[in-house]
Amino acid sequence: KSVLLKVIIGLLEPDEGEVSLWGRRISELDDGELNKVRRKMGMVFQSGALFDSMTVFENLAFPLVEHGFDDEEALREVVKKRLEWVSLPGVEDKYPSELSGGMRKRVALARTLAADPELILYDEPTTGLDPLNSRKISSMIHEIDKRVKSTSIVVTHDLDCARKVAGRWCYLSGGKILADGAPDELFESSHEEVRSFLRGVAPSTENQGRDSRDVPGKTTSRGVE
């Protein structure tokens, strides 16, 4: 699923199929055209991907400066507002190492929002967070989505997050979309793997003889997968 996001943003080329954004096929763009398309997109990486040697301000300012933003006063105002959006006012001078995991996730989100992207890609935004911070991040994504009116694609295994942030779900397994629609539709999907994953139970007859590690929601000696 993370690979899919990297294909969308043009970091990887697909083995099959194609990705079209704003009427352009990503695979047909040269480097200059691809960079123009990427300026309309933002990605929140699973790890946050903050620069450890930079302050929070420098992390948020970096993509703007790279895109030619050179008004220092306006730059500071943009950084200030985006940090307020994620409930982190006044942390501009701190380094990532001085922040908690949840705060780093929010700084990464603020950095993505700084460039006002039309399309935001989220790679497992709640991974590694405790339940409280997971709910905070999910709520922020939901509120920000309404505020900036952008399109968001969220890759997640966290059903609570999915319920909070998305009105349309796609269930991806083995490189294929097995179901696509409103959450209620997926819970009643004709595909047993989809229903079983969402309801937290192991599929029955169609998965007999299958390695239990491949069955979503089934407990194995390695834990719940």
Protein backbone atom coordinates (compact mmCIF):
# COMPACT_ATOMS: atom_id res chain seq x y z
CA LYS A 1 0.00 0.00 0.00
CA SER A 2 2.90 2.32 0.71
CA VAL A 3 4.31 1.37 -2.68
CA LEU A 4 1.06 2.57 -4.26
CA LEU A 5 1.54 6.02 -2.74
CA LYS A 6 5.10 6.17 -4.07
CA VAL A 7 3.82 5.24 -7.53
CA ILE A 8 1.20 7.99 -7.36
CA ILE A 9 3.78 10.61 -6.44
CA GLY A 10 6.20 9.37 -9.09
CA LEU A 11 8.92 7.97 -6.82
CA LEU A 12 8.41 4.50 -8.32
CA GLU A 13 7.28 3.36 -11.76
CA PRO A 14 4.45 0.81 -11.95
CA ASP A 15 5.13 -2.62 -13.48
CA GLU A 16 1.63 -2.53 -14.97
CA GLY A 17 -1.18 -0.03 -15.32
CA GLU A 18 -0.92 3.74 -15.17
CA VAL A 19 -1.48 6.71 -12.88
CA SER A 20 -3.17 9.84 -14.22
CA LEU A 21 -3.40 13.08 -12.25
CA TRP A 22 -4.96 16.31 -13.48
CA GLY A 23 -5.33 14.74 -16.90
CA ARG A 24 -1.66 13.76 -17.21
CA ARG A 25 -0.13 10.29 -17.14
CA ILE A 26 2.64 10.36 -14.55
CA SER A 27 4.81 7.88 -16.47
CA GLU A 28 4.85 10.14 -19.54
CA LEU A 29 6.10 13.27 -17.77
CA ASP A 30 9.69 14.45 -18.00
CA ASP A 31 11.50 15.57 -14.84
CA GLY A 32 10.42 19.20 -15.17
CA GLU A 33 6.76 18.33 -15.74
CA LEU A 34 6.80 15.79 -12.92
CA ASN A 35 8.17 18.39 -10.51
CA LYS A 36 5.34 20.76 -11.45
CA VAL A 37 2.78 18.04 -10.71
CA ARG A 38 4.50 17.16 -7.43
CA ARG A 39 4.13 20.76 -6.28
CA LYS A 40 0.39 20.12 -6.19
CA MET A 41 0.91 17.11 -3.92
CA GLY A 42 2.07 16.56 -0.38
CA MET A 43 3.00 13.34 1.39
CA VAL A 44 3.04 12.56 5.09
CA PHE A 45 5.47 9.67 5.47
CA GLN A 46 4.96 6.94 8.05
CA SER A 47 8.15 7.91 9.88
CA GLY A 48 7.47 11.64 9.60
CA ALA A 49 10.75 12.05 7.67
CA LEU A 50 11.74 15.24 9.47
CA PHE A 51 15.29 16.54 9.13
CA ASP A 52 16.91 15.94 12.53
CA SER A 53 19.52 18.68 12.03
CA MET A 54 16.86 21.33 11.32
CA THR A 55 14.53 23.13 13.70
CA VAL A 56 10.79 22.80 13.31
CA PHE A 57 10.72 26.16 11.54
CA GLU A 58 13.44 25.08 9.11
CA ASN A 59 11.64 21.78 8.44
CA LEU A 60 8.40 23.56 7.54
CA ALA A 61 10.16 26.29 5.57
CA PHE A 62 12.28 23.86 3.53
CA PRO A 63 9.71 22.85 0.86
CA LEU A 64 8.57 26.45 0.47
CA VAL A 65 12.11 27.74 -0.03
CA GLU A 66 12.74 24.93 -2.51
CA HIS A 67 9.73 26.16 -4.49
CA GLY A 68 11.09 29.70 -4.60
CA PHE A 69 9.33 31.24 -1.58
CA ASP A 70 11.76 33.93 -0.40
CA ASP A 71 9.69 36.42 1.63
CA GLU A 72 11.04 35.87 5.17
CA GLU A 73 8.18 37.60 6.97
CA ALA A 74 5.50 35.79 4.97
CA LEU A 75 7.38 32.52 5.44
CA ARG A 76 7.30 32.87 9.22
CA GLU A 77 3.59 33.65 9.11
CA VAL A 78 2.83 30.53 7.03
CA VAL A 79 4.86 28.34 9.41
CA LYS A 80 3.14 29.89 12.44
CA LYS A 81 -0.36 29.29 11.03
CA ARG A 82 0.30 25.70 9.96
CA LEU A 83 1.65 24.84 13.40
CA GLU A 84 -1.48 26.36 14.92
CA TRP A 85 -3.57 24.14 12.63
CA VAL A 86 -1.98 21.07 14.24
CA SER A 87 -2.16 22.51 17.78
CA LEU A 88 1.58 23.09 18.12
CA PRO A 89 2.03 26.85 18.55
CA GLY A 90 5.42 28.11 19.63
CA VAL A 91 7.58 25.08 18.77
CA GLU A 92 9.39 26.69 15.83
CA ASP A 93 12.80 26.68 17.54
CA LYS A 94 12.69 23.10 18.79
CA TYR A 95 14.44 20.18 17.10
CA PRO A 96 12.64 16.90 16.25
CA SER A 97 14.60 15.10 18.99
CA GLU A 98 12.94 17.38 21.55
CA LEU A 99 9.44 16.35 20.48
CA SER A 100 7.32 13.32 21.32
CA GLY A 101 6.31 10.85 18.61
CA GLY A 102 2.85 12.37 18.34
CA MET A 103 4.27 15.88 18.06
CA ARG A 104 6.67 14.82 15.30
CA LYS A 105 3.73 13.37 13.37
CA ARG A 106 1.92 16.68 13.68
CA VAL A 107 4.98 18.66 12.57
CA ALA A 108 5.24 16.39 9.52
CA LEU A 109 1.58 17.09 8.77
CA ALA A 110 2.12 20.84 9.18
CA ARG A 111 5.10 20.70 6.80
CA THR A 112 2.97 19.00 4.16
CA LEU A 113 0.24 21.61 4.57
CA ALA A 114 2.67 24.52 4.30
CA ALA A 115 2.72 24.29 0.51
CA ASP A 116 -1.12 24.18 0.20
CA PRO A 117 -1.25 20.89 -1.75
CA GLU A 118 -4.31 19.90 -3.77
CA LEU A 119 -3.67 16.20 -3.08
CA ILE A 120 -2.36 14.89 0.25
CA LEU A 121 -1.05 11.33 0.64
CA TYR A 122 -0.88 9.84 4.14
CA ASP A 123 1.20 6.71 4.78
CA GLU A 124 -0.02 5.01 7.99
CA PRO A 125 -0.45 8.32 9.89
CA THR A 126 -1.29 6.67 13.24
CA THR A 127 1.36 3.92 13.24
CA GLY A 128 3.45 3.86 16.41
CA LEU A 129 1.13 6.15 18.35
CA ASP A 130 -0.84 5.40 21.51
CA PRO A 131 -4.67 5.41 21.22
CA LEU A 132 -5.00 8.99 22.45
CA ASN A 133 -2.52 10.42 19.94
CA SER A 134 -3.97 8.22 17.20
CA ARG A 135 -7.37 9.81 17.78
CA LYS A 136 -5.81 13.28 17.81
CA ILE A 137 -4.07 12.72 14.47
CA SER A 138 -7.22 11.24 12.92
CA SER A 139 -9.30 14.20 14.10
CA MET A 140 -6.73 16.65 12.74
CA ILE A 141 -6.72 14.97 9.33
CA HIS A 142 -10.52 15.18 9.28
CA GLU A 143 -10.59 18.85 10.29
CA ILE A 144 -7.77 19.84 7.94
CA ASP A 145 -9.47 18.06 5.06
CA LYS A 146 -12.52 20.26 5.59
CA ARG A 147 -10.42 23.40 6.06
CA VAL A 148 -8.25 23.18 2.94
CA LYS A 149 -10.75 21.27 0.75
CA SER A 150 -8.00 19.09 -0.68
CA THR A 151 -8.25 15.46 -1.76
CA SER A 152 -6.70 12.98 0.66
CA ILE A 153 -5.58 9.39 0.17
CA VAL A 154 -4.90 7.67 3.49
CA VAL A 155 -3.18 4.29 3.74
CA THR A 156 -4.02 2.75 7.11
CA HIS A 157 -4.69 -0.51 8.94
CA ASP A 158 -6.35 1.49 11.74
CA LEU A 159 -10.12 1.13 11.36
CA ASP A 160 -10.80 3.89 13.90
CA CYS A 161 -8.68 6.24 11.79
CA ALA A 162 -10.42 5.13 8.59
CA ARG A 163 -13.85 5.72 10.11
CA LYS A 164 -12.84 9.22 11.18
CA VAL A 165 -11.16 10.47 8.02
CA ALA A 166 -12.78 8.79 5.02
CA GLY A 167 -16.20 8.36 3.48
CA ARG A 168 -14.89 6.07 0.76
CA TRP A 169 -12.76 3.00 1.46
CA CYS A 170 -10.71 0.76 -0.83
CA TYR A 171 -9.59 -2.63 0.48
CA LEU A 172 -6.25 -3.51 -1.11
CA SER A 173 -4.79 -7.01 -0.84
CA GLY A 174 -2.16 -8.76 -2.93
CA GLY A 175 -1.83 -5.73 -5.17
CA LYS A 176 -5.54 -5.74 -6.06
CA ILE A 177 -8.54 -3.72 -4.92
CA LEU A 178 -10.98 -6.30 -3.56
CA ALA A 179 -13.65 -3.79 -2.54
CA ASP A 180 -14.34 -0.10 -3.06
CA GLY A 181 -17.17 1.98 -1.65
CA ALA A 182 -18.74 3.47 1.46
CA PRO A 183 -17.70 1.86 4.78
CA ASP A 184 -21.12 0.25 5.31
CA GLU A 185 -20.88 -1.33 1.86
CA LEU A 186 -17.49 -2.87 2.63
CA PHE A 187 -18.73 -4.36 5.91
CA GLU A 188 -21.36 -6.19 3.83
CA SER A 189 -18.96 -7.01 0.97
CA SER A 190 -19.46 -10.25 -0.94
CA HIS A 191 -15.72 -10.91 -0.51
CA GLU A 192 -15.15 -12.87 2.70
CA GLU A 193 -11.60 -11.62 3.25
CA VAL A 194 -12.87 -8.03 3.28
CA ARG A 195 -15.72 -8.77 5.69
CA SER A 196 -13.46 -10.81 7.95
CA PHE A 197 -10.78 -8.13 8.19
CA LEU A 198 -13.26 -5.37 8.96
CA ARG A 199 -15.15 -7.45 11.52
CA GLY A 200 -11.99 -8.81 13.13
CA VAL A 201 -12.72 -12.51 12.56
CA ALA A 202 -10.87 -15.15 10.56
CA PRO A 203 -12.31 -16.19 7.17
CA SER A 204 -13.70 -19.70 7.18
CA THR A 205 -14.12 -22.11 4.27
CA GLU A 206 -12.41 -20.25 1.45
CA ASN A 207 -9.23 -19.93 3.51
CA GLN A 208 -8.97 -23.48 4.82
CA GLY A 209 -5.49 -24.83 4.18
CA ARG A 210 -4.13 -21.32 3.74
CA ASP A 211 -1.15 -20.26 5.86
CA SER A 212 -2.67 -18.60 8.93
CA ARG A 213 -0.19 -15.75 8.66
CA ASP A 214 -1.95 -14.66 5.47
CA VAL A 215 -5.36 -14.41 7.12
CA PRO A 216 -6.12 -10.85 8.32
CA GLY A 217 -7.12 -10.74 11.97
CA LYS A 218 -6.05 -14.30 12.77
CA THR A 219 -3.78 -14.91 15.75
CA THR A 220 -0.58 -16.82 15.03
CA SER A 221 2.56 -17.58 16.98
CA ARG A 222 3.85 -14.28 15.63
CA GLY A 223 0.89 -12.29 16.96
CA VAL A 224 -2.12 -10.72 15.32
CA GLU A 225 -1.48 -9.85 11.68
